[in-house]
Every structure is written in structure tokens, then in C-alpha cells.
């Protein structure tokens, strides 16, 4: 995949939002199902091992959708999505963190999220 412009990355983030919302919901289900399956775990109405495997499979499908868009899924809890881009001739990653209303941050590829700056 190539580089995103800021406009393209924002449009792709908007397109991915329903997928990302599903990932957040399924992530919570996965945690609850996993906790119920450990010895002495609190039972859940979500089901058991078959349901956990189903949630895991669906999560993998959704993560693939994100990766196939050209975006990079860097974190699951919280969700962290990077879009490879070029800013003033320098390679950067446009960076979105779960809970942020818009794509408004970037960082150098070698610095990671700790090096985030506002666009």
C-alpha cells in the first residue's frame, strides 16, 4: 500500500469507524468470555469456549479489514491506528487513538506514540 494524504487518511478512518466500533465491542466480549473460562471465573451469559472462538475469529476478520485498507493496527486496547504518510517531505504516521474525535496527530515512524504531535 502507498502513502495516505491527510484527506485520504481521514476519509479512510471514517470508512473504518463501523469496523473499529465492532472491534471495541468484540474486544469486551473476548475479555469477558476469557475471564469466564479460567478456573473459578465468573460465569457469563455470552457463552463458553465455542463462543470465544467465534469472537476471536470475527476479531481476526475485522483486524484484516483494517490492515487491508493500508492502515496499520498498532494497538488493541486502546485501539491505535497509524496511516503511513508524507508530511513536508518527511515520512510520518498519521495517528488515531481510540476515543479521539478526528485524525489530528502524527509522529515519526521511529518515535512511536510517545513522539506524537498535533497536525
PDB file of N, CA and C in Angstrom:
ATOM      1  N   UNK A   1       0.841  -1.192   0.000  1.00  0.00           N
ATOM      2  CA  UNK A   1       0.000   0.000   0.000  1.00  0.00           C
ATOM      3  C   UNK A   1       0.874   1.238   0.000  1.00  0.00           C
ATOM      4  N   UNK A   2       0.327   2.306  -0.562  1.00  0.00           N
ATOM      5  CA  UNK A   2       1.077   3.543  -0.649  1.00  0.00           C
ATOM      6  C   UNK A   2       0.861   4.436   0.551  1.00  0.00           C
ATOM      7  N   UNK A   3       1.208   5.670   0.359  1.00  0.00           N
ATOM      8  CA  UNK A   3       1.065   6.660   1.406  1.00  0.00           C
ATOM      9  C   UNK A   3      -0.314   7.306   1.325  1.00  0.00           C
ATOM     10  N   UNK A   4      -0.785   7.759   2.453  1.00  0.00           N
ATOM     11  CA  UNK A   4      -2.057   8.473   2.533  1.00  0.00           C
ATOM     12  C   UNK A   4      -1.779   9.976   2.560  1.00  0.00           C
ATOM     13  N   UNK A   5      -2.653  10.751   1.929  1.00  0.00           N
ATOM     14  CA  UNK A   5      -2.689  12.184   2.225  1.00  0.00           C
ATOM     15  C   UNK A   5      -3.521  12.322   3.498  1.00  0.00           C
ATOM     16  N   UNK A   6      -3.460  13.483   4.129  1.00  0.00           N
ATOM     17  CA  UNK A   6      -4.273  13.690   5.331  1.00  0.00           C
ATOM     18  C   UNK A   6      -5.753  13.503   5.013  1.00  0.00           C
ATOM     19  N   UNK A   7      -6.190  14.050   3.885  1.00  0.00           N
ATOM     20  CA  UNK A   7      -7.597  13.926   3.487  1.00  0.00           C
ATOM     21  C   UNK A   7      -7.972  12.459   3.270  1.00  0.00           C
ATOM     22  N   UNK A   8      -7.112  11.700   2.597  1.00  0.00           N
ATOM     23  CA  UNK A   8      -7.387  10.277   2.364  1.00  0.00           C
ATOM     24  C   UNK A   8      -7.424   9.499   3.679  1.00  0.00           C
ATOM     25  N   UNK A   9      -6.509   9.805   4.580  1.00  0.00           N
ATOM     26  CA  UNK A   9      -6.471   9.098   5.861  1.00  0.00           C
ATOM     27  C   UNK A   9      -7.723   9.390   6.672  1.00  0.00           C
ATOM     28  N   UNK A  10      -8.149  10.639   6.674  1.00  0.00           N
ATOM     29  CA  UNK A  10      -9.379  10.982   7.407  1.00  0.00           C
ATOM     30  C   UNK A  10     -10.589  10.287   6.797  1.00  0.00           C
ATOM     31  N   UNK A  11     -10.646  10.223   5.472  1.00  0.00           N
ATOM     32  CA  UNK A  11     -11.758   9.539   4.798  1.00  0.00           C
ATOM     33  C   UNK A  11     -11.729   8.044   5.107  1.00  0.00           C
ATOM     34  N   UNK A  12     -10.545   7.462   5.121  1.00  0.00           N
ATOM     35  CA  UNK A  12     -10.425   6.026   5.416  1.00  0.00           C
ATOM     36  C   UNK A  12     -10.800   5.745   6.868  1.00  0.00           C
ATOM     37  N   UNK A  13     -10.402   6.612   7.776  1.00  0.00           N
ATOM     38  CA  UNK A  13     -10.790   6.451   9.180  1.00  0.00           C
ATOM     39  C   UNK A  13     -12.311   6.486   9.304  1.00  0.00           C
ATOM     40  N   UNK A  14     -12.954   7.430   8.614  1.00  0.00           N
ATOM     41  CA  UNK A  14     -14.419   7.495   8.649  1.00  0.00           C
ATOM     42  C   UNK A  14     -15.031   6.209   8.101  1.00  0.00           C
ATOM     43  N   UNK A  15     -14.462   5.683   7.020  1.00  0.00           N
ATOM     44  CA  UNK A  15     -14.970   4.437   6.432  1.00  0.00           C
ATOM     45  C   UNK A  15     -14.783   3.266   7.393  1.00  0.00           C
ATOM     46  N   UNK A  16     -13.694   3.283   8.153  1.00  0.00           N
ATOM     47  CA  UNK A  16     -13.377   2.186   9.076  1.00  0.00           C
ATOM     48  C   UNK A  16     -14.110   2.288  10.416  1.00  0.00           C
ATOM     49  N   UNK A  17     -14.709   3.408  10.721  1.00  0.00           N
ATOM     50  CA  UNK A  17     -15.323   3.575  12.057  1.00  0.00           C
ATOM     51  C   UNK A  17     -16.282   2.448  12.443  1.00  0.00           C
ATOM     52  N   UNK A  18     -17.196   2.003  11.556  1.00  0.00           N
ATOM     53  CA  UNK A  18     -18.073   0.893  11.956  1.00  0.00           C
ATOM     54  C   UNK A  18     -17.275  -0.379  12.295  1.00  0.00           C
ATOM     55  N   UNK A  19     -16.208  -0.630  11.564  1.00  0.00           N
ATOM     56  CA  UNK A  19     -15.343  -1.787  11.833  1.00  0.00           C
ATOM     57  C   UNK A  19     -14.673  -1.616  13.185  1.00  0.00           C
ATOM     58  N   UNK A  20     -14.170  -0.421  13.452  1.00  0.00           N
ATOM     59  CA  UNK A  20     -13.492  -0.156  14.719  1.00  0.00           C
ATOM     60  C   UNK A  20     -14.453  -0.269  15.894  1.00  0.00           C
ATOM     61  N   UNK A  21     -15.686   0.184  15.705  1.00  0.00           N
ATOM     62  CA  UNK A  21     -16.692   0.058  16.764  1.00  0.00           C
ATOM     63  C   UNK A  21     -16.987  -1.412  17.056  1.00  0.00           C
ATOM     64  N   UNK A  22     -17.048  -2.230  16.010  1.00  0.00           N
ATOM     65  CA  UNK A  22     -17.258  -3.666  16.211  1.00  0.00           C
ATOM     66  C   UNK A  22     -16.080  -4.284  16.957  1.00  0.00           C
ATOM     67  N   UNK A  23     -14.862  -3.853  16.610  1.00  0.00           N
ATOM     68  CA  UNK A  23     -13.683  -4.378  17.291  1.00  0.00           C
ATOM     69  C   UNK A  23     -13.763  -4.064  18.784  1.00  0.00           C
ATOM     70  N   UNK A  24     -14.155  -2.848  19.145  1.00  0.00           N
ATOM     71  CA  UNK A  24     -14.254  -2.456  20.554  1.00  0.00           C
ATOM     72  C   UNK A  24     -15.279  -3.331  21.281  1.00  0.00           C
ATOM     73  N   UNK A  25     -16.442  -3.559  20.654  1.00  0.00           N
ATOM     74  CA  UNK A  25     -17.474  -4.400  21.271  1.00  0.00           C
ATOM     75  C   UNK A  25     -16.992  -5.840  21.433  1.00  0.00           C
ATOM     76  N   UNK A  26     -16.400  -6.383  20.378  1.00  0.00           N
ATOM     77  CA  UNK A  26     -15.935  -7.766  20.424  1.00  0.00           C
ATOM     78  C   UNK A  26     -14.756  -7.931  21.378  1.00  0.00           C
ATOM     79  N   UNK A  27     -13.932  -6.897  21.498  1.00  0.00           N
ATOM     80  CA  UNK A  27     -12.811  -6.930  22.439  1.00  0.00           C
ATOM     81  C   UNK A  27     -13.337  -7.121  23.859  1.00  0.00           C
ATOM     82  N   UNK A  28     -14.399  -6.392  24.204  1.00  0.00           N
ATOM     83  CA  UNK A  28     -15.001  -6.529  25.534  1.00  0.00           C
ATOM     84  C   UNK A  28     -15.599  -7.922  25.721  1.00  0.00           C
ATOM     85  N   UNK A  29     -16.272  -8.438  24.685  1.00  0.00           N
ATOM     86  CA  UNK A  29     -16.823  -9.795  24.762  1.00  0.00           C
ATOM     87  C   UNK A  29     -15.712 -10.821  24.969  1.00  0.00           C
ATOM     88  N   UNK A  30     -14.607 -10.651  24.249  1.00  0.00           N
ATOM     89  CA  UNK A  30     -13.489 -11.584  24.342  1.00  0.00           C
ATOM     90  C   UNK A  30     -12.919 -11.606  25.761  1.00  0.00           C
ATOM     91  N   UNK A  31     -12.770 -10.441  26.360  1.00  0.00           N
ATOM     92  CA  UNK A  31     -12.233 -10.359  27.718  1.00  0.00           C
ATOM     93  C   UNK A  31     -13.183 -11.053  28.696  1.00  0.00           C
ATOM     94  N   UNK A  32     -14.477 -10.796  28.540  1.00  0.00           N
ATOM     95  CA  UNK A  32     -15.462 -11.397  29.436  1.00  0.00           C
ATOM     96  C   UNK A  32     -15.515 -12.917  29.260  1.00  0.00           C
ATOM     97  N   UNK A  33     -15.533 -13.377  28.025  1.00  0.00           N
ATOM     98  CA  UNK A  33     -15.557 -14.818  27.768  1.00  0.00           C
ATOM     99  C   UNK A  33     -14.290 -15.489  28.281  1.00  0.00           C
ATOM    100  N   UNK A  34     -13.144 -14.861  28.076  1.00  0.00           N
ATOM    101  CA  UNK A  34     -11.869 -15.430  28.537  1.00  0.00           C
ATOM    102  C   UNK A  34     -11.841 -15.524  30.057  1.00  0.00           C
ATOM    103  N   UNK A  35     -12.332 -14.485  30.726  1.00  0.00           N
ATOM    104  CA  UNK A  35     -12.349 -14.487  32.188  1.00  0.00           C
ATOM    105  C   UNK A  35     -13.254 -15.588  32.725  1.00  0.00           C
ATOM    106  N   UNK A  36     -14.349 -15.852  32.021  1.00  0.00           N
ATOM    107  CA  UNK A  36     -15.290 -16.885  32.471  1.00  0.00           C
ATOM    108  C   UNK A  36     -14.706 -18.286  32.322  1.00  0.00           C
ATOM    109  N   UNK A  37     -13.730 -18.437  31.418  1.00  0.00           N
ATOM    110  CA  UNK A  37     -13.185 -19.759  31.127  1.00  0.00           C
ATOM    111  C   UNK A  37     -12.032 -20.164  32.043  1.00  0.00           C
ATOM    112  N   UNK A  38     -11.499 -19.227  32.818  1.00  0.00           N
ATOM    113  CA  UNK A  38     -10.425 -19.608  33.747  1.00  0.00           C
ATOM    114  C   UNK A  38     -11.044 -20.284  34.962  1.00  0.00           C
ATOM    115  N   UNK A  39     -10.318 -21.207  35.596  1.00  0.00           N
ATOM    116  CA  UNK A  39     -10.861 -21.871  36.781  1.00  0.00           C
ATOM    117  C   UNK A  39     -11.304 -20.843  37.822  1.00  0.00           C
ATOM    118  N   UNK A  40     -12.539 -20.980  38.281  1.00  0.00           N
ATOM    119  CA  UNK A  40     -13.096 -20.051  39.260  1.00  0.00           C
ATOM    120  C   UNK A  40     -13.579 -18.751  38.656  1.00  0.00           C
ATOM    121  N   UNK A  41     -13.580 -18.678  37.332  1.00  0.00           N
ATOM    122  CA  UNK A  41     -14.003 -17.449  36.661  1.00  0.00           C
ATOM    123  C   UNK A  41     -15.492 -17.207  36.819  1.00  0.00           C
ATOM    124  N   UNK A  42     -15.853 -15.959  36.733  1.00  0.00           N
ATOM    125  CA  UNK A  42     -17.254 -15.544  36.840  1.00  0.00           C
ATOM    126  C   UNK A  42     -18.011 -15.975  35.592  1.00  0.00           C
ATOM    127  N   UNK A  43     -19.098 -16.732  35.736  1.00  0.00           N
ATOM    128  CA  UNK A  43     -19.868 -17.151  34.556  1.00  0.00           C
ATOM    129  C   UNK A  43     -20.402 -15.941  33.785  1.00  0.00           C
ATOM    130  N   UNK A  44     -20.604 -16.125  32.482  1.00  0.00           N
ATOM    131  CA  UNK A  44     -21.134 -15.063  31.638  1.00  0.00           C
ATOM    132  C   UNK A  44     -22.281 -15.600  30.796  1.00  0.00           C
ATOM    133  N   UNK A  45     -23.193 -14.716  30.463  1.00  0.00           N
ATOM    134  CA  UNK A  45     -24.316 -15.103  29.600  1.00  0.00           C
ATOM    135  C   UNK A  45     -23.890 -15.122  28.127  1.00  0.00           C
ATOM    136  N   UNK A  46     -22.641 -14.729  27.852  1.00  0.00           N
ATOM    137  CA  UNK A  46     -22.166 -14.692  26.471  1.00  0.00           C
ATOM    138  C   UNK A  46     -21.869 -16.079  25.918  1.00  0.00           C
ATOM    139  N   UNK A  47     -21.674 -17.060  26.788  1.00  0.00           N
ATOM    140  CA  UNK A  47     -21.397 -18.409  26.322  1.00  0.00           C
ATOM    141  C   UNK A  47     -20.123 -18.966  26.907  1.00  0.00           C
ATOM    142  N   UNK A  48     -19.516 -19.868  26.158  1.00  0.00           N
ATOM    143  CA  UNK A  48     -18.315 -20.548  26.621  1.00  0.00           C
ATOM    144  C   UNK A  48     -17.242 -20.560  25.549  1.00  0.00           C
ATOM    145  N   UNK A  49     -16.496 -21.662  25.508  1.00  0.00           N
ATOM    146  CA  UNK A  49     -15.370 -21.769  24.591  1.00  0.00           C
ATOM    147  C   UNK A  49     -15.775 -21.628  23.117  1.00  0.00           C
ATOM    148  N   UNK A  50     -16.865 -22.258  22.659  1.00  0.00           N
ATOM    149  CA  UNK A  50     -17.231 -22.094  21.247  1.00  0.00           C
ATOM    150  C   UNK A  50     -17.500 -20.628  20.886  1.00  0.00           C
ATOM    151  N   UNK A  51     -18.166 -19.911  21.782  1.00  0.00           N
ATOM    152  CA  UNK A  51     -18.462 -18.502  21.524  1.00  0.00           C
ATOM    153  C   UNK A  51     -17.173 -17.673  21.543  1.00  0.00           C
ATOM    154  N   UNK A  52     -16.256 -18.012  22.446  1.00  0.00           N
ATOM    155  CA  UNK A  52     -14.973 -17.300  22.499  1.00  0.00           C
ATOM    156  C   UNK A  52     -14.213 -17.497  21.190  1.00  0.00           C
ATOM    157  N   UNK A  53     -14.214 -18.722  20.679  1.00  0.00           N
ATOM    158  CA  UNK A  53     -13.528 -18.989  19.408  1.00  0.00           C
ATOM    159  C   UNK A  53     -14.186 -18.222  18.270  1.00  0.00           C
ATOM    160  N   UNK A  54     -15.512 -18.113  18.303  1.00  0.00           N
ATOM    161  CA  UNK A  54     -16.230 -17.347  17.290  1.00  0.00           C
ATOM    162  C   UNK A  54     -15.888 -15.866  17.345  1.00  0.00           C
ATOM    163  N   UNK A  55     -15.818 -15.326  18.549  1.00  0.00           N
ATOM    164  CA  UNK A  55     -15.453 -13.915  18.717  1.00  0.00           C
ATOM    165  C   UNK A  55     -14.023 -13.685  18.227  1.00  0.00           C
ATOM    166  N   UNK A  56     -13.133 -14.601  18.562  1.00  0.00           N
ATOM    167  CA  UNK A  56     -11.740 -14.479  18.134  1.00  0.00           C
ATOM    168  C   UNK A  56     -11.639 -14.486  16.603  1.00  0.00           C
ATOM    169  N   UNK A  57     -12.381 -15.374  15.962  1.00  0.00           N
ATOM    170  CA  UNK A  57     -12.371 -15.443  14.502  1.00  0.00           C
ATOM    171  C   UNK A  57     -12.897 -14.145  13.888  1.00  0.00           C
ATOM    172  N   UNK A  58     -13.967 -13.622  14.448  1.00  0.00           N
ATOM    173  CA  UNK A  58     -14.541 -12.371  13.929  1.00  0.00           C
ATOM    174  C   UNK A  58     -13.581 -11.206  14.151  1.00  0.00           C
ATOM    175  N   UNK A  59     -12.931 -11.150  15.306  1.00  0.00           N
ATOM    176  CA  UNK A  59     -11.937 -10.106  15.560  1.00  0.00           C
ATOM    177  C   UNK A  59     -10.813 -10.167  14.522  1.00  0.00           C
ATOM    178  N   UNK A  60     -10.347 -11.361  14.221  1.00  0.00           N
ATOM    179  CA  UNK A  60      -9.291 -11.524  13.222  1.00  0.00           C
ATOM    180  C   UNK A  60      -9.742 -11.017  11.855  1.00  0.00           C
ATOM    181  N   UNK A  61     -10.991 -11.300  11.489  1.00  0.00           N
ATOM    182  CA  UNK A  61     -11.531 -10.810  10.217  1.00  0.00           C
ATOM    183  C   UNK A  61     -11.537  -9.281  10.183  1.00  0.00           C
ATOM    184  N   UNK A  62     -11.989  -8.671  11.267  1.00  0.00           N
ATOM    185  CA  UNK A  62     -12.080  -7.214  11.314  1.00  0.00           C
ATOM    186  C   UNK A  62     -10.702  -6.569  11.319  1.00  0.00           C
ATOM    187  N   UNK A  63      -9.748  -7.174  12.009  1.00  0.00           N
ATOM    188  CA  UNK A  63      -8.385  -6.646  12.014  1.00  0.00           C
ATOM    189  C   UNK A  63      -7.789  -6.727  10.610  1.00  0.00           C
ATOM    190  N   UNK A  64      -8.140  -7.773   9.866  1.00  0.00           N
ATOM    191  CA  UNK A  64      -7.676  -7.910   8.486  1.00  0.00           C
ATOM    192  C   UNK A  64      -8.260  -6.799   7.623  1.00  0.00           C
ATOM    193  N   UNK A  65      -9.518  -6.452   7.832  1.00  0.00           N
ATOM    194  CA  UNK A  65     -10.140  -5.353   7.081  1.00  0.00           C
ATOM    195  C   UNK A  65      -9.344  -4.064   7.298  1.00  0.00           C
ATOM    196  N   UNK A  66      -8.960  -3.799   8.541  1.00  0.00           N
ATOM    197  CA  UNK A  66      -8.177  -2.593   8.839  1.00  0.00           C
ATOM    198  C   UNK A  66      -6.838  -2.648   8.114  1.00  0.00           C
ATOM    199  N   UNK A  67      -6.137  -3.761   8.235  1.00  0.00           N
ATOM    200  CA  UNK A  67      -4.810  -3.878   7.626  1.00  0.00           C
ATOM    201  C   UNK A  67      -4.884  -3.778   6.101  1.00  0.00           C
ATOM    202  N   UNK A  68      -5.917  -4.355   5.500  1.00  0.00           N
ATOM    203  CA  UNK A  68      -6.053  -4.321   4.041  1.00  0.00           C
ATOM    204  C   UNK A  68      -6.351  -2.919   3.513  1.00  0.00           C
ATOM    205  N   UNK A  69      -6.789  -2.026   4.388  1.00  0.00           N
ATOM    206  CA  UNK A  69      -7.060  -0.649   3.977  1.00  0.00           C
ATOM    207  C   UNK A  69      -5.769   0.131   3.753  1.00  0.00           C
ATOM    208  N   UNK A  70      -4.654  -0.408   4.222  1.00  0.00           N
ATOM    209  CA  UNK A  70      -3.387   0.304   4.158  1.00  0.00           C
ATOM    210  C   UNK A  70      -3.019   0.932   5.482  1.00  0.00           C
ATOM    211  N   UNK A  71      -3.982   0.985   6.401  1.00  0.00           N
ATOM    212  CA  UNK A  71      -3.716   1.488   7.746  1.00  0.00           C
ATOM    213  C   UNK A  71      -2.990   0.404   8.537  1.00  0.00           C
ATOM    214  N   UNK A  72      -2.328   0.816   9.597  1.00  0.00           N
ATOM    215  CA  UNK A  72      -1.602  -0.123  10.451  1.00  0.00           C
ATOM    216  C   UNK A  72      -2.271  -0.156  11.818  1.00  0.00           C
ATOM    217  N   UNK A  73      -2.720  -1.325  12.223  1.00  0.00           N
ATOM    218  CA  UNK A  73      -3.326  -1.509  13.535  1.00  0.00           C
ATOM    219  C   UNK A  73      -2.195  -1.742  14.522  1.00  0.00           C
ATOM    220  N   UNK A  74      -1.927  -0.747  15.368  1.00  0.00           N
ATOM    221  CA  UNK A  74      -0.766  -0.799  16.250  1.00  0.00           C
ATOM    222  C   UNK A  74      -1.108  -1.192  17.681  1.00  0.00           C
ATOM    223  N   UNK A  75      -2.361  -1.065  18.060  1.00  0.00           N
ATOM    224  CA  UNK A  75      -2.746  -1.410  19.429  1.00  0.00           C
ATOM    225  C   UNK A  75      -4.199  -1.793  19.486  1.00  0.00           C
ATOM    226  N   UNK A  76      -4.524  -2.676  20.421  1.00  0.00           N
ATOM    227  CA  UNK A  76      -5.901  -3.166  20.558  1.00  0.00           C
ATOM    228  C   UNK A  76      -6.640  -2.576  21.750  1.00  0.00           C
ATOM    229  N   UNK A  77      -5.944  -2.216  22.798  1.00  0.00           N
ATOM    230  CA  UNK A  77      -6.610  -1.699  23.995  1.00  0.00           C
ATOM    231  C   UNK A  77      -5.739  -0.615  24.622  1.00  0.00           C
ATOM    232  N   UNK A  78      -5.953   0.610  24.255  1.00  0.00           N
ATOM    233  CA  UNK A  78      -6.946   1.123  23.322  1.00  0.00           C
ATOM    234  C   UNK A  78      -6.514   0.900  21.869  1.00  0.00           C
ATOM    235  N   UNK A  79      -7.499   1.019  20.967  1.00  0.00           N
ATOM    236  CA  UNK A  79      -7.192   0.909  19.545  1.00  0.00           C
ATOM    237  C   UNK A  79      -6.255   2.038  19.144  1.00  0.00           C
ATOM    238  N   UNK A  80      -5.264   1.692  18.365  1.00  0.00           N
ATOM    239  CA  UNK A  80      -4.309   2.669  17.850  1.00  0.00           C
ATOM    240  C   UNK A  80      -4.095   2.353  16.376  1.00  0.00           C
ATOM    241  N   UNK A  81      -4.405   3.321  15.524  1.00  0.00           N
ATOM    242  CA  UNK A  81      -4.318   3.132  14.081  1.00  0.00           C
ATOM    243  C   UNK A  81      -3.363   4.177  13.508  1.00  0.00           C
ATOM    244  N   UNK A  82      -2.409   3.733  12.701  1.00  0.00           N
ATOM    245  CA  UNK A  82      -1.485   4.627  12.015  1.00  0.00           C
ATOM    246  C   UNK A  82      -1.720   4.548  10.514  1.00  0.00           C
ATOM    247  N   UNK A  83      -1.588   5.697   9.856  1.00  0.00           N
ATOM    248  CA  UNK A  83      -1.702   5.794   8.411  1.00  0.00           C
ATOM    249  C   UNK A  83      -0.377   6.328   7.874  1.00  0.00           C
ATOM    250  N   UNK A  84       0.379   5.526   7.127  1.00  0.00           N
ATOM    251  CA  UNK A  84       1.644   5.998   6.564  1.00  0.00           C
ATOM    252  C   UNK A  84       1.398   7.210   5.659  1.00  0.00           C
ATOM    253  N   UNK A  85       2.224   8.229   5.827  1.00  0.00           N
ATOM    254  CA  UNK A  85       2.037   9.462   5.070  1.00  0.00           C
ATOM    255  C   UNK A  85       3.380  10.165   4.895  1.00  0.00           C
ATOM    256  N   UNK A  86       3.313  11.279   4.192  1.00  0.00           N
ATOM    257  CA  UNK A  86       4.473  12.130   3.980  1.00  0.00           C
ATOM    258  C   UNK A  86       4.047  13.528   4.403  1.00  0.00           C
ATOM    259  N   UNK A  87       4.800  14.138   5.291  1.00  0.00           N
ATOM    260  CA  UNK A  87       4.482  15.478   5.778  1.00  0.00           C
ATOM    261  C   UNK A  87       5.692  16.369   5.534  1.00  0.00           C
ATOM    262  N   UNK A  88       5.527  17.320   4.647  1.00  0.00           N
ATOM    263  CA  UNK A  88       6.620  18.240   4.290  1.00  0.00           C
ATOM    264  C   UNK A  88       7.874  17.486   3.877  1.00  0.00           C
ATOM    265  N   UNK A  89       7.695  16.402   3.116  1.00  0.00           N
ATOM    266  CA  UNK A  89       8.828  15.648   2.593  1.00  0.00           C
ATOM    267  C   UNK A  89       9.417  14.625   3.551  1.00  0.00           C
ATOM    268  N   UNK A  90       8.849  14.503   4.732  1.00  0.00           N
ATOM    269  CA  UNK A  90       9.361  13.541   5.712  1.00  0.00           C
ATOM    270  C   UNK A  90       8.337  12.436   5.936  1.00  0.00           C
ATOM    271  N   UNK A  91       8.792  11.181   6.056  1.00  0.00           N
ATOM    272  CA  UNK A  91       7.847  10.099   6.342  1.00  0.00           C
ATOM    273  C   UNK A  91       7.305  10.228   7.761  1.00  0.00           C
ATOM    274  N   UNK A  92       5.991  10.108   7.883  1.00  0.00           N
ATOM    275  CA  UNK A  92       5.328  10.173   9.189  1.00  0.00           C
ATOM    276  C   UNK A  92       4.223   9.127   9.231  1.00  0.00           C
ATOM    277  N   UNK A  93       3.681   8.943  10.399  1.00  0.00           N
ATOM    278  CA  UNK A  93       2.481   8.125  10.587  1.00  0.00           C
ATOM    279  C   UNK A  93       1.402   9.033  11.162  1.00  0.00           C
ATOM    280  N   UNK A  94       0.324   9.198  10.404  1.00  0.00           N
ATOM    281  CA  UNK A  94      -0.840   9.907  10.928  1.00  0.00           C
ATOM    282  C   UNK A  94      -1.486   8.968  11.925  1.00  0.00           C
ATOM    283  N   UNK A  95      -1.778   9.459  13.099  1.00  0.00           N
ATOM    284  CA  UNK A  95      -2.057   8.590  14.239  1.00  0.00           C
ATOM    285  C   UNK A  95      -3.414   8.883  14.850  1.00  0.00           C
ATOM    286  N   UNK A  96      -4.243   7.840  14.986  1.00  0.00           N
ATOM    287  CA  UNK A  96      -5.546   7.958  15.642  1.00  0.00           C
ATOM    288  C   UNK A  96      -5.590   6.992  16.814  1.00  0.00           C
ATOM    289  N   UNK A  97      -6.026   7.504  17.963  1.00  0.00           N
ATOM    290  CA  UNK A  97      -6.156   6.717  19.183  1.00  0.00           C
ATOM    291  C   UNK A  97      -7.631   6.635  19.553  1.00  0.00           C
ATOM    292  N   UNK A  98      -8.083   5.452  19.927  1.00  0.00           N
ATOM    293  CA  UNK A  98      -9.481   5.236  20.320  1.00  0.00           C
ATOM    294  C   UNK A  98      -9.952   6.356  21.241  1.00  0.00           C
ATOM    295  N   UNK A  99     -11.120   6.886  20.912  1.00  0.00           N
ATOM    296  CA  UNK A  99     -11.702   7.954  21.711  1.00  0.00           C
ATOM    297  C   UNK A  99     -11.503   9.336  21.107  1.00  0.00           C
ATOM    298  N   UNK A 100     -10.557   9.466  20.194  1.00  0.00           N
ATOM    299  CA  UNK A 100     -10.333  10.760  19.563  1.00  0.00           C
ATOM    300  C   UNK A 100     -11.396  10.997  18.496  1.00  0.00           C
ATOM    301  N   UNK A 101     -11.902  12.216  18.443  1.00  0.00           N
ATOM    302  CA  UNK A 101     -12.979  12.547  17.507  1.00  0.00           C
ATOM    303  C   UNK A 101     -12.504  12.573  16.065  1.00  0.00           C
ATOM    304  N   UNK A 102     -11.229  12.928  15.863  1.00  0.00           N
ATOM    305  CA  UNK A 102     -10.728  13.036  14.492  1.00  0.00           C
ATOM    306  C   UNK A 102      -9.255  12.641  14.443  1.00  0.00           C
ATOM    307  N   UNK A 103      -8.779  12.517  13.235  1.00  0.00           N
ATOM    308  CA  UNK A 103      -7.369  12.228  12.996  1.00  0.00           C
ATOM    309  C   UNK A 103      -6.629  13.566  13.049  1.00  0.00           C
ATOM    310  N   UNK A 104      -5.932  13.835  14.140  1.00  0.00           N
ATOM    311  CA  UNK A 104      -5.333  15.151  14.350  1.00  0.00           C
ATOM    312  C   UNK A 104      -3.891  15.080  14.845  1.00  0.00           C
ATOM    313  N   UNK A 105      -3.279  13.895  14.799  1.00  0.00           N
ATOM    314  CA  UNK A 105      -1.936  13.713  15.334  1.00  0.00           C
ATOM    315  C   UNK A 105      -1.056  12.975  14.328  1.00  0.00           C
ATOM    316  N   UNK A 106       0.248  13.129  14.489  1.00  0.00           N
ATOM    317  CA  UNK A 106       1.207  12.380  13.687  1.00  0.00           C
ATOM    318  C   UNK A 106       2.444  12.135  14.543  1.00  0.00           C
ATOM    319  N   UNK A 107       3.270  11.214  14.091  1.00  0.00           N
ATOM    320  CA  UNK A 107       4.575  11.015  14.717  1.00  0.00           C
ATOM    321  C   UNK A 107       5.527  10.417  13.701  1.00  0.00           C
ATOM    322  N   UNK A 108       6.807  10.592  13.952  1.00  0.00           N
ATOM    323  CA  UNK A 108       7.814   9.962  13.109  1.00  0.00           C
ATOM    324  C   UNK A 108       7.727   8.453  13.319  1.00  0.00           C
ATOM    325  N   UNK A 109       7.983   7.672  12.280  1.00  0.00           N
ATOM    326  CA  UNK A 109       7.907   6.209  12.421  1.00  0.00           C
ATOM    327  C   UNK A 109       8.835   5.659  13.504  1.00  0.00           C
ATOM    328  N   UNK A 110       9.981   6.285  13.713  1.00  0.00           N
ATOM    329  CA  UNK A 110      10.939   5.762  14.681  1.00  0.00           C
ATOM    330  C   UNK A 110      10.634   6.176  16.119  1.00  0.00           C
ATOM    331  N   UNK A 111       9.683   7.086  16.333  1.00  0.00           N
ATOM    332  CA  UNK A 111       9.410   7.578  17.683  1.00  0.00           C
ATOM    333  C   UNK A 111       8.196   6.931  18.337  1.00  0.00           C
ATOM    334  N   UNK A 112       7.264   6.440  17.549  1.00  0.00           N
ATOM    335  CA  UNK A 112       6.074   5.832  18.131  1.00  0.00           C
ATOM    336  C   UNK A 112       5.161   6.858  18.776  1.00  0.00           C
ATOM    337  N   UNK A 113       4.176   6.357  19.491  1.00  0.00           N
ATOM    338  CA  UNK A 113       3.121   7.210  20.036  1.00  0.00           C
ATOM    339  C   UNK A 113       3.655   8.242  21.028  1.00  0.00           C
ATOM    340  N   UNK A 114       4.762   7.947  21.688  1.00  0.00           N
ATOM    341  CA  UNK A 114       5.327   8.904  22.641  1.00  0.00           C
ATOM    342  C   UNK A 114       5.807  10.174  21.951  1.00  0.00           C
ATOM    343  N   UNK A 115       6.048  10.098  20.641  1.00  0.00           N
ATOM    344  CA  UNK A 115       6.510  11.256  19.886  1.00  0.00           C
ATOM    345  C   UNK A 115       5.396  11.963  19.126  1.00  0.00           C
ATOM    346  N   UNK A 116       4.147  11.713  19.517  1.00  0.00           N
ATOM    347  CA  UNK A 116       3.013  12.310  18.802  1.00  0.00           C
ATOM    348  C   UNK A 116       3.002  13.842  18.899  1.00  0.00           C
ATOM    349  N   UNK A 117       2.639  14.439  17.776  1.00  0.00           N
ATOM    350  CA  UNK A 117       2.476  15.899  17.714  1.00  0.00           C
ATOM    351  C   UNK A 117       1.170  16.204  17.000  1.00  0.00           C
ATOM    352  N   UNK A 118       0.575  17.349  17.346  1.00  0.00           N
ATOM    353  CA  UNK A 118      -0.645  17.788  16.659  1.00  0.00           C
ATOM    354  C   UNK A 118      -0.323  18.197  15.231  1.00  0.00           C
ATOM    355  N   UNK A 119      -1.236  17.894  14.340  1.00  0.00           N
ATOM    356  CA  UNK A 119      -1.077  18.324  12.934  1.00  0.00           C
ATOM    357  C   UNK A 119      -1.233  19.834  12.828  1.00  0.00           C
TER     358      UNK A 119
END
